[in-house]
Amino acid sequence: MHSIWLKGHRNKQKRKEEVLGARWAFDLLREVLNQEFRKDAVRDYEKPNWAERQIAANEYNHALDDLIKLITLEKEK
């Protein structure tokens, strides 16, 4: 679990239990984000702005990865 979930809360144990109680929703959300929101690589090299579109897709996917990391409650290995 990312420590941001506990930041600013006095009763850390209670907050941890609340967040862990939502694990099922985070698991469903992670599945939807990976299946429906991940951008594919840009392979249309004939268009002059293909590199910029690829950069945008990469940045979008990086932000998506940050969100997925936040909602992944298991300890990182």
PDB file of N, CA and C in Angstrom:
ATOM      1  N   MET A   1       0.842  -1.168   0.000  1.00  0.00           N
ATOM      2  CA  MET A   1       0.000   0.000   0.000  1.00  0.00           C
ATOM      3  C   MET A   1       0.894   1.240   0.000  1.00  0.00           C
ATOM      4  N   HIS A   2       0.551   2.169  -0.845  1.00  0.00           N
ATOM      5  CA  HIS A   2       1.299   3.420  -0.932  1.00  0.00           C
ATOM      6  C   HIS A   2       1.041   4.249   0.325  1.00  0.00           C
ATOM      7  N   SER A   3       2.074   4.851   0.850  1.00  0.00           N
ATOM      8  CA  SER A   3       1.964   5.607   2.102  1.00  0.00           C
ATOM      9  C   SER A   3       1.063   6.840   1.983  1.00  0.00           C
ATOM     10  N   ILE A   4       0.787   7.290   0.788  1.00  0.00           N
ATOM     11  CA  ILE A   4      -0.071   8.475   0.608  1.00  0.00           C
ATOM     12  C   ILE A   4      -1.468   8.248   1.185  1.00  0.00           C
ATOM     13  N   TRP A   5      -1.896   6.995   1.227  1.00  0.00           N
ATOM     14  CA  TRP A   5      -3.215   6.682   1.786  1.00  0.00           C
ATOM     15  C   TRP A   5      -3.314   7.018   3.270  1.00  0.00           C
ATOM     16  N   LEU A   6      -2.185   7.020   3.958  1.00  0.00           N
ATOM     17  CA  LEU A   6      -2.179   7.261   5.407  1.00  0.00           C
ATOM     18  C   LEU A   6      -1.793   8.698   5.772  1.00  0.00           C
ATOM     19  N   LYS A   7      -1.293   9.430   4.811  1.00  0.00           N
ATOM     20  CA  LYS A   7      -0.791  10.785   5.058  1.00  0.00           C
ATOM     21  C   LYS A   7      -1.896  11.685   5.615  1.00  0.00           C
ATOM     22  N   GLY A   8      -1.590  12.341   6.719  1.00  0.00           N
ATOM     23  CA  GLY A   8      -2.503  13.302   7.315  1.00  0.00           C
ATOM     24  C   GLY A   8      -3.582  12.709   8.200  1.00  0.00           C
ATOM     25  N   HIS A   9      -3.575  11.421   8.397  1.00  0.00           N
ATOM     26  CA  HIS A   9      -4.576  10.766   9.240  1.00  0.00           C
ATOM     27  C   HIS A   9      -3.949  10.413  10.584  1.00  0.00           C
ATOM     28  N   ARG A  10      -4.634  10.767  11.634  1.00  0.00           N
ATOM     29  CA  ARG A  10      -4.103  10.485  12.981  1.00  0.00           C
ATOM     30  C   ARG A  10      -4.182   9.003  13.312  1.00  0.00           C
ATOM     31  N   ASN A  11      -5.314   8.390  13.008  1.00  0.00           N
ATOM     32  CA  ASN A  11      -5.496   6.971  13.306  1.00  0.00           C
ATOM     33  C   ASN A  11      -5.130   6.176  12.055  1.00  0.00           C
ATOM     34  N   LYS A  12      -3.852   5.892  11.935  1.00  0.00           N
ATOM     35  CA  LYS A  12      -3.333   5.229  10.733  1.00  0.00           C
ATOM     36  C   LYS A  12      -3.904   3.825  10.560  1.00  0.00           C
ATOM     37  N   GLN A  13      -4.077   3.091  11.653  1.00  0.00           N
ATOM     38  CA  GLN A  13      -4.593   1.733  11.559  1.00  0.00           C
ATOM     39  C   GLN A  13      -6.024   1.730  11.028  1.00  0.00           C
ATOM     40  N   LYS A  14      -6.848   2.636  11.539  1.00  0.00           N
ATOM     41  CA  LYS A  14      -8.235   2.722  11.068  1.00  0.00           C
ATOM     42  C   LYS A  14      -8.274   3.087   9.595  1.00  0.00           C
ATOM     43  N   ARG A  15      -7.451   4.040   9.192  1.00  0.00           N
ATOM     44  CA  ARG A  15      -7.400   4.459   7.792  1.00  0.00           C
ATOM     45  C   ARG A  15      -6.944   3.305   6.907  1.00  0.00           C
ATOM     46  N   LYS A  16      -5.940   2.558   7.369  1.00  0.00           N
ATOM     47  CA  LYS A  16      -5.447   1.412   6.605  1.00  0.00           C
ATOM     48  C   LYS A  16      -6.547   0.380   6.406  1.00  0.00           C
ATOM     49  N   GLU A  17      -7.316   0.119   7.438  1.00  0.00           N
ATOM     50  CA  GLU A  17      -8.426  -0.831   7.339  1.00  0.00           C
ATOM     51  C   GLU A  17      -9.484  -0.343   6.356  1.00  0.00           C
ATOM     52  N   GLU A  18      -9.759   0.967   6.366  1.00  0.00           N
ATOM     53  CA  GLU A  18     -10.738   1.538   5.424  1.00  0.00           C
ATOM     54  C   GLU A  18     -10.280   1.351   3.981  1.00  0.00           C
ATOM     55  N   VAL A  19      -9.022   1.660   3.732  1.00  0.00           N
ATOM     56  CA  VAL A  19      -8.491   1.536   2.370  1.00  0.00           C
ATOM     57  C   VAL A  19      -8.467   0.073   1.941  1.00  0.00           C
ATOM     58  N   LEU A  20      -8.010  -0.797   2.819  1.00  0.00           N
ATOM     59  CA  LEU A  20      -7.970  -2.221   2.470  1.00  0.00           C
ATOM     60  C   LEU A  20      -9.373  -2.786   2.250  1.00  0.00           C
ATOM     61  N   GLY A  21     -10.366  -2.201   2.897  1.00  0.00           N
ATOM     62  CA  GLY A  21     -11.743  -2.622   2.687  1.00  0.00           C
ATOM     63  C   GLY A  21     -12.251  -2.323   1.280  1.00  0.00           C
ATOM     64  N   ALA A  22     -11.583  -1.400   0.612  1.00  0.00           N
ATOM     65  CA  ALA A  22     -11.970  -1.038  -0.757  1.00  0.00           C
ATOM     66  C   ALA A  22     -11.130  -1.773  -1.802  1.00  0.00           C
ATOM     67  N   ARG A  23     -10.356  -2.736  -1.358  1.00  0.00           N
ATOM     68  CA  ARG A  23      -9.456  -3.456  -2.275  1.00  0.00           C
ATOM     69  C   ARG A  23     -10.201  -4.031  -3.482  1.00  0.00           C
ATOM     70  N   TRP A  24     -11.382  -4.592  -3.243  1.00  0.00           N
ATOM     71  CA  TRP A  24     -12.141  -5.201  -4.351  1.00  0.00           C
ATOM     72  C   TRP A  24     -12.460  -4.159  -5.418  1.00  0.00           C
ATOM     73  N   ALA A  25     -12.785  -2.947  -5.017  1.00  0.00           N
ATOM     74  CA  ALA A  25     -13.099  -1.891  -5.982  1.00  0.00           C
ATOM     75  C   ALA A  25     -11.843  -1.457  -6.733  1.00  0.00           C
ATOM     76  N   PHE A  26     -10.726  -1.371  -6.019  1.00  0.00           N
ATOM     77  CA  PHE A  26      -9.471  -1.007  -6.670  1.00  0.00           C
ATOM     78  C   PHE A  26      -9.050  -2.075  -7.676  1.00  0.00           C
ATOM     79  N   ASP A  27      -9.280  -3.341  -7.345  1.00  0.00           N
ATOM     80  CA  ASP A  27      -8.950  -4.424  -8.274  1.00  0.00           C
ATOM     81  C   ASP A  27      -9.784  -4.314  -9.548  1.00  0.00           C
ATOM     82  N   LEU A  28     -11.073  -4.031  -9.390  1.00  0.00           N
ATOM     83  CA  LEU A  28     -11.936  -3.849 -10.563  1.00  0.00           C
ATOM     84  C   LEU A  28     -11.509  -2.630 -11.379  1.00  0.00           C
ATOM     85  N   LEU A  29     -11.198  -1.549 -10.698  1.00  0.00           N
ATOM     86  CA  LEU A  29     -10.760  -0.329 -11.376  1.00  0.00           C
ATOM     87  C   LEU A  29      -9.464  -0.564 -12.135  1.00  0.00           C
ATOM     88  N   ARG A  30      -8.522  -1.266 -11.523  1.00  0.00           N
ATOM     89  CA  ARG A  30      -7.249  -1.568 -12.195  1.00  0.00           C
ATOM     90  C   ARG A  30      -7.488  -2.359 -13.478  1.00  0.00           C
ATOM     91  N   GLU A  31      -8.394  -3.317 -13.416  1.00  0.00           N
ATOM     92  CA  GLU A  31      -8.720  -4.121 -14.590  1.00  0.00           C
ATOM     93  C   GLU A  31      -9.295  -3.245 -15.712  1.00  0.00           C
ATOM     94  N   VAL A  32     -10.220  -2.363 -15.368  1.00  0.00           N
ATOM     95  CA  VAL A  32     -10.833  -1.468 -16.365  1.00  0.00           C
ATOM     96  C   VAL A  32      -9.788  -0.518 -16.940  1.00  0.00           C
ATOM     97  N   LEU A  33      -8.958   0.051 -16.092  1.00  0.00           N
ATOM     98  CA  LEU A  33      -7.931   0.982 -16.580  1.00  0.00           C
ATOM     99  C   LEU A  33      -6.989   0.298 -17.561  1.00  0.00           C
ATOM    100  N   ASN A  34      -6.569  -0.916 -17.234  1.00  0.00           N
ATOM    101  CA  ASN A  34      -5.656  -1.638 -18.126  1.00  0.00           C
ATOM    102  C   ASN A  34      -6.319  -2.045 -19.438  1.00  0.00           C
ATOM    103  N   GLN A  35      -7.575  -2.442 -19.390  1.00  0.00           N
ATOM    104  CA  GLN A  35      -8.241  -2.936 -20.592  1.00  0.00           C
ATOM    105  C   GLN A  35      -8.799  -1.826 -21.478  1.00  0.00           C
ATOM    106  N   GLU A  36      -9.296  -0.757 -20.880  1.00  0.00           N
ATOM    107  CA  GLU A  36     -10.032   0.236 -21.652  1.00  0.00           C
ATOM    108  C   GLU A  36      -9.301   1.562 -21.875  1.00  0.00           C
ATOM    109  N   PHE A  37      -8.295   1.851 -21.091  1.00  0.00           N
ATOM    110  CA  PHE A  37      -7.688   3.175 -21.157  1.00  0.00           C
ATOM    111  C   PHE A  37      -6.235   3.187 -21.628  1.00  0.00           C
ATOM    112  N   ARG A  38      -5.590   2.046 -21.696  1.00  0.00           N
ATOM    113  CA  ARG A  38      -4.197   1.988 -22.139  1.00  0.00           C
ATOM    114  C   ARG A  38      -4.118   2.348 -23.622  1.00  0.00           C
ATOM    115  N   LYS A  39      -3.191   3.224 -23.975  1.00  0.00           N
ATOM    116  CA  LYS A  39      -3.001   3.657 -25.358  1.00  0.00           C
ATOM    117  C   LYS A  39      -2.009   2.727 -26.051  1.00  0.00           C
ATOM    118  N   ASP A  40      -2.330   2.415 -27.308  1.00  0.00           N
ATOM    119  CA  ASP A  40      -1.435   1.592 -28.121  1.00  0.00           C
ATOM    120  C   ASP A  40      -0.308   2.444 -28.693  1.00  0.00           C
ATOM    121  N   ALA A  41       0.766   1.783 -29.076  1.00  0.00           N
ATOM    122  CA  ALA A  41       1.881   2.476 -29.707  1.00  0.00           C
ATOM    123  C   ALA A  41       1.443   3.043 -31.055  1.00  0.00           C
ATOM    124  N   VAL A  42       2.010   4.163 -31.422  1.00  0.00           N
ATOM    125  CA  VAL A  42       1.718   4.797 -32.709  1.00  0.00           C
ATOM    126  C   VAL A  42       2.629   4.167 -33.751  1.00  0.00           C
ATOM    127  N   ARG A  43       2.035   3.580 -34.759  1.00  0.00           N
ATOM    128  CA  ARG A  43       2.815   2.897 -35.801  1.00  0.00           C
ATOM    129  C   ARG A  43       2.620   3.537 -37.174  1.00  0.00           C
ATOM    130  N   ASP A  44       2.018   4.712 -37.231  1.00  0.00           N
ATOM    131  CA  ASP A  44       1.755   5.391 -38.491  1.00  0.00           C
ATOM    132  C   ASP A  44       2.911   6.340 -38.801  1.00  0.00           C
ATOM    133  N   TYR A  45       4.026   5.770 -39.225  1.00  0.00           N
ATOM    134  CA  TYR A  45       5.252   6.532 -39.421  1.00  0.00           C
ATOM    135  C   TYR A  45       5.198   7.472 -40.630  1.00  0.00           C
ATOM    136  N   GLU A  46       4.210   7.319 -41.483  1.00  0.00           N
ATOM    137  CA  GLU A  46       4.098   8.166 -42.677  1.00  0.00           C
ATOM    138  C   GLU A  46       3.618   9.572 -42.337  1.00  0.00           C
ATOM    139  N   LYS A  47       2.898   9.722 -41.231  1.00  0.00           N
ATOM    140  CA  LYS A  47       2.403  11.043 -40.839  1.00  0.00           C
ATOM    141  C   LYS A  47       3.526  11.824 -40.171  1.00  0.00           C
ATOM    142  N   PRO A  48       3.611  13.125 -40.464  1.00  0.00           N
ATOM    143  CA  PRO A  48       4.737  13.915 -39.936  1.00  0.00           C
ATOM    144  C   PRO A  48       4.739  14.071 -38.421  1.00  0.00           C
ATOM    145  N   ASN A  49       3.624  13.942 -37.767  1.00  0.00           N
ATOM    146  CA  ASN A  49       3.590  14.147 -36.313  1.00  0.00           C
ATOM    147  C   ASN A  49       3.517  12.839 -35.529  1.00  0.00           C
ATOM    148  N   TRP A  50       3.950  11.732 -36.128  1.00  0.00           N
ATOM    149  CA  TRP A  50       3.845  10.447 -35.451  1.00  0.00           C
ATOM    150  C   TRP A  50       4.661  10.427 -34.159  1.00  0.00           C
ATOM    151  N   ALA A  51       5.816  11.088 -34.152  1.00  0.00           N
ATOM    152  CA  ALA A  51       6.667  11.067 -32.954  1.00  0.00           C
ATOM    153  C   ALA A  51       5.989  11.781 -31.792  1.00  0.00           C
ATOM    154  N   GLU A  52       5.360  12.918 -32.070  1.00  0.00           N
ATOM    155  CA  GLU A  52       4.658  13.654 -31.019  1.00  0.00           C
ATOM    156  C   GLU A  52       3.482  12.850 -30.490  1.00  0.00           C
ATOM    157  N   ARG A  53       2.775  12.158 -31.373  1.00  0.00           N
ATOM    158  CA  ARG A  53       1.654  11.326 -30.934  1.00  0.00           C
ATOM    159  C   ARG A  53       2.140  10.157 -30.089  1.00  0.00           C
ATOM    160  N   GLN A  54       3.305   9.603 -30.437  1.00  0.00           N
ATOM    161  CA  GLN A  54       3.865   8.516 -29.640  1.00  0.00           C
ATOM    162  C   GLN A  54       4.284   9.020 -28.268  1.00  0.00           C
ATOM    163  N   ILE A  55       4.881  10.193 -28.217  1.00  0.00           N
ATOM    164  CA  ILE A  55       5.269  10.791 -26.935  1.00  0.00           C
ATOM    165  C   ILE A  55       4.027  11.002 -26.070  1.00  0.00           C
ATOM    166  N   ALA A  56       2.961  11.508 -26.666  1.00  0.00           N
ATOM    167  CA  ALA A  56       1.719  11.739 -25.915  1.00  0.00           C
ATOM    168  C   ALA A  56       1.160  10.426 -25.372  1.00  0.00           C
ATOM    169  N   ALA A  57       1.182   9.383 -26.173  1.00  0.00           N
ATOM    170  CA  ALA A  57       0.691   8.070 -25.727  1.00  0.00           C
ATOM    171  C   ALA A  57       1.558   7.541 -24.580  1.00  0.00           C
ATOM    172  N   ASN A  58       2.873   7.717 -24.702  1.00  0.00           N
ATOM    173  CA  ASN A  58       3.779   7.262 -23.647  1.00  0.00           C
ATOM    174  C   ASN A  58       3.518   7.996 -22.336  1.00  0.00           C
ATOM    175  N   GLU A  59       3.348   9.305 -22.409  1.00  0.00           N
ATOM    176  CA  GLU A  59       3.091  10.101 -21.203  1.00  0.00           C
ATOM    177  C   GLU A  59       1.744   9.728 -20.583  1.00  0.00           C
ATOM    178  N   TYR A  60       0.736   9.522 -21.408  1.00  0.00           N
ATOM    179  CA  TYR A  60      -0.581   9.113 -20.933  1.00  0.00           C
ATOM    180  C   TYR A  60      -0.483   7.778 -20.201  1.00  0.00           C
ATOM    181  N   ASN A  61       0.209   6.821 -20.810  1.00  0.00           N
ATOM    182  CA  ASN A  61       0.365   5.504 -20.192  1.00  0.00           C
ATOM    183  C   ASN A  61       1.178   5.585 -18.899  1.00  0.00           C
ATOM    184  N   HIS A  62       2.129   6.498 -18.858  1.00  0.00           N
ATOM    185  CA  HIS A  62       2.913   6.674 -17.627  1.00  0.00           C
ATOM    186  C   HIS A  62       2.014   7.192 -16.498  1.00  0.00           C
ATOM    187  N   ALA A  63       1.151   8.145 -16.798  1.00  0.00           N
ATOM    188  CA  ALA A  63       0.209   8.651 -15.784  1.00  0.00           C
ATOM    189  C   ALA A  63      -0.736   7.538 -15.346  1.00  0.00           C
ATOM    190  N   LEU A  64      -1.178   6.732 -16.285  1.00  0.00           N
ATOM    191  CA  LEU A  64      -2.034   5.594 -15.970  1.00  0.00           C
ATOM    192  C   LEU A  64      -1.308   4.615 -15.050  1.00  0.00           C
ATOM    193  N   ASP A  65      -0.033   4.365 -15.322  1.00  0.00           N
ATOM    194  CA  ASP A  65       0.769   3.492 -14.458  1.00  0.00           C
ATOM    195  C   ASP A  65       0.876   4.054 -13.041  1.00  0.00           C
ATOM    196  N   ASP A  66       1.001   5.382 -12.926  1.00  0.00           N
ATOM    197  CA  ASP A  66       1.057   6.008 -11.602  1.00  0.00           C
ATOM    198  C   ASP A  66      -0.238   5.767 -10.833  1.00  0.00           C
ATOM    199  N   LEU A  67      -1.372   5.898 -11.513  1.00  0.00           N
ATOM    200  CA  LEU A  67      -2.660   5.641 -10.864  1.00  0.00           C
ATOM    201  C   LEU A  67      -2.792   4.181 -10.448  1.00  0.00           C
ATOM    202  N   ILE A  68      -2.379   3.292 -11.319  1.00  0.00           N
ATOM    203  CA  ILE A  68      -2.457   1.863 -11.017  1.00  0.00           C
ATOM    204  C   ILE A  68      -1.560   1.517  -9.840  1.00  0.00           C
ATOM    205  N   LYS A  69      -0.397   2.128  -9.773  1.00  0.00           N
ATOM    206  CA  LYS A  69       0.500   1.896  -8.636  1.00  0.00           C
ATOM    207  C   LYS A  69      -0.161   2.364  -7.338  1.00  0.00           C
ATOM    208  N   LEU A  70      -0.874   3.484  -7.391  1.00  0.00           N
ATOM    209  CA  LEU A  70      -1.540   4.015  -6.206  1.00  0.00           C
ATOM    210  C   LEU A  70      -2.637   3.083  -5.703  1.00  0.00           C
ATOM    211  N   ILE A  71      -3.389   2.472  -6.610  1.00  0.00           N
ATOM    212  CA  ILE A  71      -4.506   1.628  -6.197  1.00  0.00           C
ATOM    213  C   ILE A  71      -4.110   0.164  -5.997  1.00  0.00           C
ATOM    214  N   THR A  72      -2.841  -0.153  -6.232  1.00  0.00           N
ATOM    215  CA  THR A  72      -2.354  -1.507  -5.973  1.00  0.00           C
ATOM    216  C   THR A  72      -1.936  -1.569  -4.507  1.00  0.00           C
ATOM    217  N   LEU A  73      -2.670  -2.332  -3.723  1.00  0.00           N
ATOM    218  CA  LEU A  73      -2.476  -2.328  -2.286  1.00  0.00           C
ATOM    219  C   LEU A  73      -1.508  -3.391  -1.786  1.00  0.00           C
ATOM    220  N   GLU A  74      -1.081  -4.297  -2.635  1.00  0.00           N
ATOM    221  CA  GLU A  74      -0.116  -5.299  -2.232  1.00  0.00           C
ATOM    222  C   GLU A  74       1.253  -4.643  -2.082  1.00  0.00           C
ATOM    223  N   LYS A  75       2.100  -5.245  -1.262  1.00  0.00           N
ATOM    224  CA  LYS A  75       3.453  -4.744  -1.118  1.00  0.00           C
ATOM    225  C   LYS A  75       4.224  -5.016  -2.387  1.00  0.00           C
ATOM    226  N   GLU A  76       5.069  -4.047  -2.767  1.00  0.00           N
ATOM    227  CA  GLU A  76       5.920  -4.241  -3.944  1.00  0.00           C
ATOM    228  C   GLU A  76       7.031  -5.207  -3.613  1.00  0.00           C
ATOM    229  N   LYS A  77       7.407  -6.021  -4.594  1.00  0.00           N
ATOM    230  CA  LYS A  77       8.465  -7.020  -4.388  1.00  0.00           C
ATOM    231  C   LYS A  77       9.806  -6.466  -4.776  1.00  0.00           C
TER     232      LYS A  77
END
